[in-house]
Each structure stands twice: as structure tokens, then as C-alpha cells.
N, C-alpha and C. Protein backbone atom coordinates (compact mmCIF):
# COMPACT_ATOMS: atom_id res chain seq x y z
N MET A 1 -0.93 34.88 -22.42
CA MET A 1 -1.51 35.24 -23.83
C MET A 1 -2.87 34.78 -24.26
N GLY A 2 -3.81 35.41 -24.08
CA GLY A 2 -5.11 34.84 -24.50
C GLY A 2 -5.57 35.81 -25.30
N GLY A 3 -7.03 35.89 -25.53
CA GLY A 3 -7.66 36.41 -26.66
C GLY A 3 -8.09 38.07 -26.45
N GLY A 4 -6.99 38.46 -25.72
CA GLY A 4 -6.91 39.49 -25.39
C GLY A 4 -6.53 40.69 -26.41
N THR A 5 -5.80 40.38 -27.28
CA THR A 5 -4.82 40.99 -28.29
C THR A 5 -5.98 41.69 -29.23
N GLY A 6 -7.15 40.93 -29.58
CA GLY A 6 -8.01 41.29 -30.35
C GLY A 6 -8.57 42.52 -30.07
N ALA A 7 -8.93 42.46 -28.97
CA ALA A 7 -9.56 43.56 -28.10
C ALA A 7 -8.53 44.97 -27.96
N ALA A 8 -7.32 44.56 -27.81
CA ALA A 8 -6.25 45.88 -27.83
C ALA A 8 -6.26 46.03 -29.17
N GLN A 9 -6.10 45.53 -30.47
CA GLN A 9 -5.88 45.97 -31.56
C GLN A 9 -7.29 46.57 -31.94
N ALA A 10 -8.40 46.25 -31.44
CA ALA A 10 -9.80 47.01 -31.84
C ALA A 10 -9.60 48.29 -31.11
N SER A 11 -8.83 48.44 -29.91
CA SER A 11 -9.15 49.72 -29.07
C SER A 11 -7.77 50.67 -29.92
N SER A 12 -6.82 49.95 -30.50
CA SER A 12 -5.93 51.02 -30.97
C SER A 12 -6.36 51.44 -32.17
N LEU A 13 -7.09 50.72 -33.14
CA LEU A 13 -7.92 51.33 -34.19
C LEU A 13 -8.68 52.43 -34.05
N LYS A 14 -9.69 52.27 -33.01
CA LYS A 14 -10.29 53.49 -32.68
C LYS A 14 -9.41 54.87 -32.01
N GLU A 15 -8.23 54.41 -31.22
CA GLU A 15 -7.50 55.58 -30.91
C GLU A 15 -6.78 56.09 -32.05
N GLY A 16 -6.41 55.31 -33.35
CA GLY A 16 -5.59 55.53 -34.41
C GLY A 16 -6.64 56.32 -35.40
N ALA A 17 -7.89 56.39 -35.24
CA ALA A 17 -8.86 57.23 -35.98
C ALA A 17 -8.60 58.71 -35.91
N SER A 18 -8.40 58.89 -34.65
CA SER A 18 -7.85 60.50 -33.94
C SER A 18 -6.68 60.84 -34.43
N GLY A 19 -5.74 59.96 -34.79
CA GLY A 19 -4.40 60.39 -35.17
C GLY A 19 -3.86 60.59 -36.28
N SER A 20 -2.58 60.70 -36.76
CA SER A 20 -2.41 60.56 -37.95
C SER A 20 -2.03 59.11 -38.57
N PHE A 21 -2.24 59.37 -40.24
CA PHE A 21 -1.85 57.68 -40.50
C PHE A 21 -0.62 57.19 -39.88
N GLY A 22 0.45 58.21 -39.89
CA GLY A 22 1.75 57.68 -39.52
C GLY A 22 1.81 57.11 -37.91
N ASP A 23 1.06 57.67 -37.05
CA ASP A 23 0.85 57.40 -35.70
C ASP A 23 0.24 55.55 -35.78
N PHE A 24 -0.72 55.47 -36.75
CA PHE A 24 -1.48 54.59 -37.04
C PHE A 24 -0.24 53.31 -37.20
N LEU A 25 0.48 53.76 -38.37
CA LEU A 25 1.40 52.73 -38.63
C LEU A 25 2.53 52.49 -37.50
N GLN A 26 2.92 53.40 -37.16
CA GLN A 26 3.75 53.21 -35.88
C GLN A 26 3.31 52.44 -34.74
N LYS A 27 2.26 52.48 -34.30
CA LYS A 27 1.42 51.50 -33.37
C LYS A 27 1.43 49.87 -34.01
N ALA A 28 0.88 50.00 -35.24
CA ALA A 28 0.94 48.75 -35.72
C ALA A 28 2.04 48.00 -35.82
N VAL A 29 3.29 48.48 -35.92
CA VAL A 29 4.68 48.00 -35.92
C VAL A 29 5.22 47.84 -34.75
N ASN A 30 4.71 48.86 -33.90
CA ASN A 30 5.24 48.36 -32.33
C ASN A 30 4.31 46.83 -31.61
N GLU A 31 2.97 47.07 -32.07
CA GLU A 31 2.23 45.82 -31.81
C GLU A 31 2.71 44.51 -32.50
N THR A 32 3.19 44.53 -33.67
CA THR A 32 3.99 43.07 -34.16
C THR A 32 5.31 43.16 -33.13
N VAL A 33 5.91 44.04 -33.07
CA VAL A 33 7.32 43.39 -32.55
C VAL A 33 6.61 43.03 -31.23
N ASN A 34 5.99 43.88 -30.35
CA ASN A 34 5.59 43.27 -28.98
C ASN A 34 5.01 41.97 -29.13
N SER A 35 4.19 41.25 -30.41
CA SER A 35 3.65 40.12 -30.76
C SER A 35 4.69 39.22 -30.69
N GLY A 36 5.77 39.40 -31.40
CA GLY A 36 6.86 38.55 -31.56
C GLY A 36 7.62 38.26 -30.33
N LYS A 37 8.02 39.21 -29.86
CA LYS A 37 8.71 39.15 -28.23
C LYS A 37 8.03 38.56 -27.09
N ALA A 38 6.59 38.32 -27.40
CA ALA A 38 5.75 37.72 -26.23
C ALA A 38 5.70 36.13 -26.97
N SER A 39 6.27 35.94 -28.27
CA SER A 39 5.99 34.70 -28.61
C SER A 39 7.26 33.95 -28.34
N GLU A 40 8.32 34.86 -28.79
CA GLU A 40 9.76 34.26 -28.26
C GLU A 40 9.96 34.16 -26.97
N HIS A 41 9.51 34.90 -26.11
CA HIS A 41 9.52 34.80 -24.40
C HIS A 41 8.52 33.41 -24.17
N GLN A 42 7.25 33.17 -24.79
CA GLN A 42 6.81 32.03 -24.19
C GLN A 42 7.41 30.71 -24.71
N MET A 43 8.19 30.89 -25.71
CA MET A 43 8.82 29.48 -26.11
C MET A 43 10.10 29.34 -25.30
N ALA A 44 10.42 30.49 -25.05
CA ALA A 44 11.90 30.38 -23.86
C ALA A 44 11.35 29.98 -22.67
N ALA A 45 10.44 30.43 -22.05
CA ALA A 45 9.80 29.92 -20.82
C ALA A 45 9.20 28.56 -20.85
N SER A 46 8.80 28.06 -22.25
CA SER A 46 8.43 26.62 -22.11
C SER A 46 9.45 25.47 -22.17
N ALA A 47 10.69 26.08 -22.70
CA ALA A 47 11.94 25.37 -23.10
C ALA A 47 12.75 25.36 -21.81
N ALA A 48 12.50 26.44 -20.74
CA ALA A 48 13.53 26.31 -19.58
C ALA A 48 12.95 25.42 -18.44
N SER A 49 11.41 25.30 -18.90
CA SER A 49 11.01 24.44 -17.61
C SER A 49 10.20 23.28 -18.72
N LYS A 50 10.43 22.29 -17.87
CA LYS A 50 9.51 20.80 -18.85
C LYS A 50 8.20 20.74 -18.65
N ASP A 51 7.53 21.62 -17.34
CA ASP A 51 6.15 21.56 -17.51
C ASP A 51 5.38 22.48 -18.43
N GLY A 52 5.86 23.16 -19.14
CA GLY A 52 5.20 24.54 -19.57
C GLY A 52 4.33 23.47 -20.61
N SER A 53 3.38 24.56 -21.11
CA SER A 53 2.22 24.15 -21.83
C SER A 53 2.65 24.34 -23.12
N ILE A 54 2.65 23.52 -24.25
CA ILE A 54 2.81 23.54 -25.44
C ILE A 54 1.81 24.19 -26.04
N VAL A 55 0.52 24.14 -25.64
CA VAL A 55 -0.60 25.08 -26.15
C VAL A 55 -0.56 26.59 -26.23
N ASP A 56 -0.14 26.78 -25.03
CA ASP A 56 0.58 28.56 -24.66
C ASP A 56 1.55 28.71 -25.84
N VAL A 57 2.70 27.68 -26.34
CA VAL A 57 3.17 28.16 -27.10
C VAL A 57 2.84 28.24 -28.43
N VAL A 58 1.95 27.35 -28.92
CA VAL A 58 1.51 27.33 -30.28
C VAL A 58 0.61 28.57 -30.36
N THR A 59 -0.07 29.08 -29.47
CA THR A 59 -0.97 30.12 -29.69
C THR A 59 -0.23 31.37 -29.81
N ALA A 60 0.63 31.68 -29.10
CA ALA A 60 1.59 32.97 -29.28
C ALA A 60 2.61 32.72 -30.55
N VAL A 61 2.83 31.63 -30.96
CA VAL A 61 3.41 31.48 -32.20
C VAL A 61 2.32 32.24 -33.42
N ALA A 62 1.01 31.28 -33.32
CA ALA A 62 -0.03 31.78 -34.31
C ALA A 62 -0.17 33.23 -33.96
N GLU A 63 -0.57 33.65 -32.75
CA GLU A 63 -0.91 35.24 -32.94
C GLU A 63 0.34 35.94 -33.57
N ALA A 64 1.63 35.87 -33.56
CA ALA A 64 2.55 36.77 -34.00
C ALA A 64 2.60 36.27 -35.60
N GLU A 65 2.26 35.20 -36.03
CA GLU A 65 2.47 34.88 -37.14
C GLU A 65 1.12 35.46 -38.00
N THR A 66 0.07 35.66 -37.45
CA THR A 66 -1.13 36.38 -37.91
C THR A 66 -1.01 37.71 -38.08
N THR A 67 -0.41 38.16 -36.68
CA THR A 67 -0.10 39.81 -36.99
C THR A 67 0.99 40.06 -37.82
N LEU A 68 1.82 39.58 -38.11
CA LEU A 68 3.03 39.58 -39.12
C LEU A 68 2.39 39.78 -40.76
N GLN A 69 1.51 38.46 -40.68
CA GLN A 69 0.83 38.58 -42.09
C GLN A 69 -0.08 39.80 -42.33
N THR A 70 -0.78 40.35 -41.26
CA THR A 70 -1.62 41.54 -41.55
C THR A 70 -0.70 42.62 -41.77
N VAL A 71 0.23 42.93 -41.06
CA VAL A 71 1.36 43.96 -41.23
C VAL A 71 1.92 43.86 -42.74
N VAL A 72 2.29 42.62 -43.32
CA VAL A 72 2.65 42.52 -44.82
C VAL A 72 1.58 42.75 -45.80
N ALA A 73 0.41 42.16 -45.38
CA ALA A 73 -0.74 42.79 -46.47
C ALA A 73 -1.14 44.39 -46.37
N VAL A 74 -1.11 44.83 -44.96
CA VAL A 74 -0.94 46.22 -45.05
C VAL A 74 0.08 47.17 -46.17
N ARG A 75 1.13 46.82 -45.71
CA ARG A 75 2.35 47.16 -46.59
C ARG A 75 2.24 46.97 -47.99
N ASP A 76 1.94 45.62 -48.68
CA ASP A 76 1.49 45.75 -49.85
C ASP A 76 0.52 46.51 -50.74
N LYS A 77 -0.44 46.64 -49.68
CA LYS A 77 -1.71 47.57 -49.93
C LYS A 77 -1.18 48.98 -50.36
N VAL A 78 -0.15 49.70 -49.08
CA VAL A 78 0.20 51.06 -49.26
C VAL A 78 1.15 51.06 -50.47
N ILE A 79 2.01 50.06 -50.99
CA ILE A 79 3.02 50.03 -51.88
C ILE A 79 2.03 50.40 -53.16
N ALA A 80 0.96 49.28 -53.46
CA ALA A 80 0.23 49.41 -54.39
C ALA A 80 -0.36 50.95 -54.56
N ALA A 81 -0.72 51.27 -53.58
CA ALA A 81 -1.58 52.65 -54.01
C ALA A 81 -0.52 53.85 -53.92
N TYR A 82 0.83 53.80 -53.52
CA TYR A 82 1.89 54.57 -54.13
C TYR A 82 2.20 54.47 -55.41
N GLN A 83 2.31 53.29 -56.09
CA GLN A 83 2.74 52.99 -57.39
C GLN A 83 1.46 53.58 -58.30
N ASP A 84 0.35 53.37 -57.85
CA ASP A 84 -0.75 53.78 -58.61
C ASP A 84 -0.83 55.51 -58.62
N ILE A 85 -0.43 56.27 -57.63
CA ILE A 85 -0.34 57.59 -57.51
C ILE A 85 0.78 58.07 -58.30
N ILE A 86 1.70 57.43 -58.46
CA ILE A 86 2.94 57.91 -59.13
C ILE A 86 2.56 57.17 -60.78
N ARG A 87 1.76 56.79 -61.06
CA ARG A 87 1.50 56.46 -62.45
C ARG A 87 0.26 57.76 -62.87
N MET A 88 -0.37 58.30 -62.16
CA MET A 88 -1.31 59.22 -62.49
C MET A 88 -0.43 60.07 -63.38
N PRO A 89 -1.16 60.54 -64.37
CA PRO A 89 -0.54 61.68 -65.02
C PRO A 89 -0.73 63.14 -64.66
N ILE A 90 0.08 63.79 -64.90
CA ILE A 90 -0.14 65.11 -64.09
C ILE A 90 -1.12 66.20 -65.07
């Protein structure tokens, strides 16, 4: 679980520039789900073996939390933009 996720997210942002906004959102949601699953897997592996590293677990949980916070912030911005469009006079 190292620092490779930042590079993967930057790569997906570059790929998303050529695709549609919906594709970009789908990739972001998939990355969020995968990050959460990796965190859960790391916790389960650490709990199953007594010699598991707690640092790896904390790192995985922190990465999942950061990813989720980013998705929530983007969601809030999209909702705010939608509400601004709805309020526009015709």
C-alpha cells in the first residue's frame, strides 16, 4: 500500500481529460471503492496474523479516508453547481 496511489490518481486524471465527465466520475468512484477494499483487506490481514504491521493498516485507512473526503468534496461542488444552474433565469 505505498505512495503509488498518488501517481495512479494523476495518471487517471490525465486519461480522464480525453474522456467524458461521466467516465471521469466513474473512475473516481471505482478508485474510492478499491481504496476502501484495500484498507479492509489490510486490516483483515493484520488481524489474522499477529505479526502484521500496524503502520500499513493505519496508512491504508488514511488513504481510504482521504479518497472518500475528496469524493465527498467533489460531490458537494457538483451539487452546488447544479443548484446554481437551476436558479438561473431563463
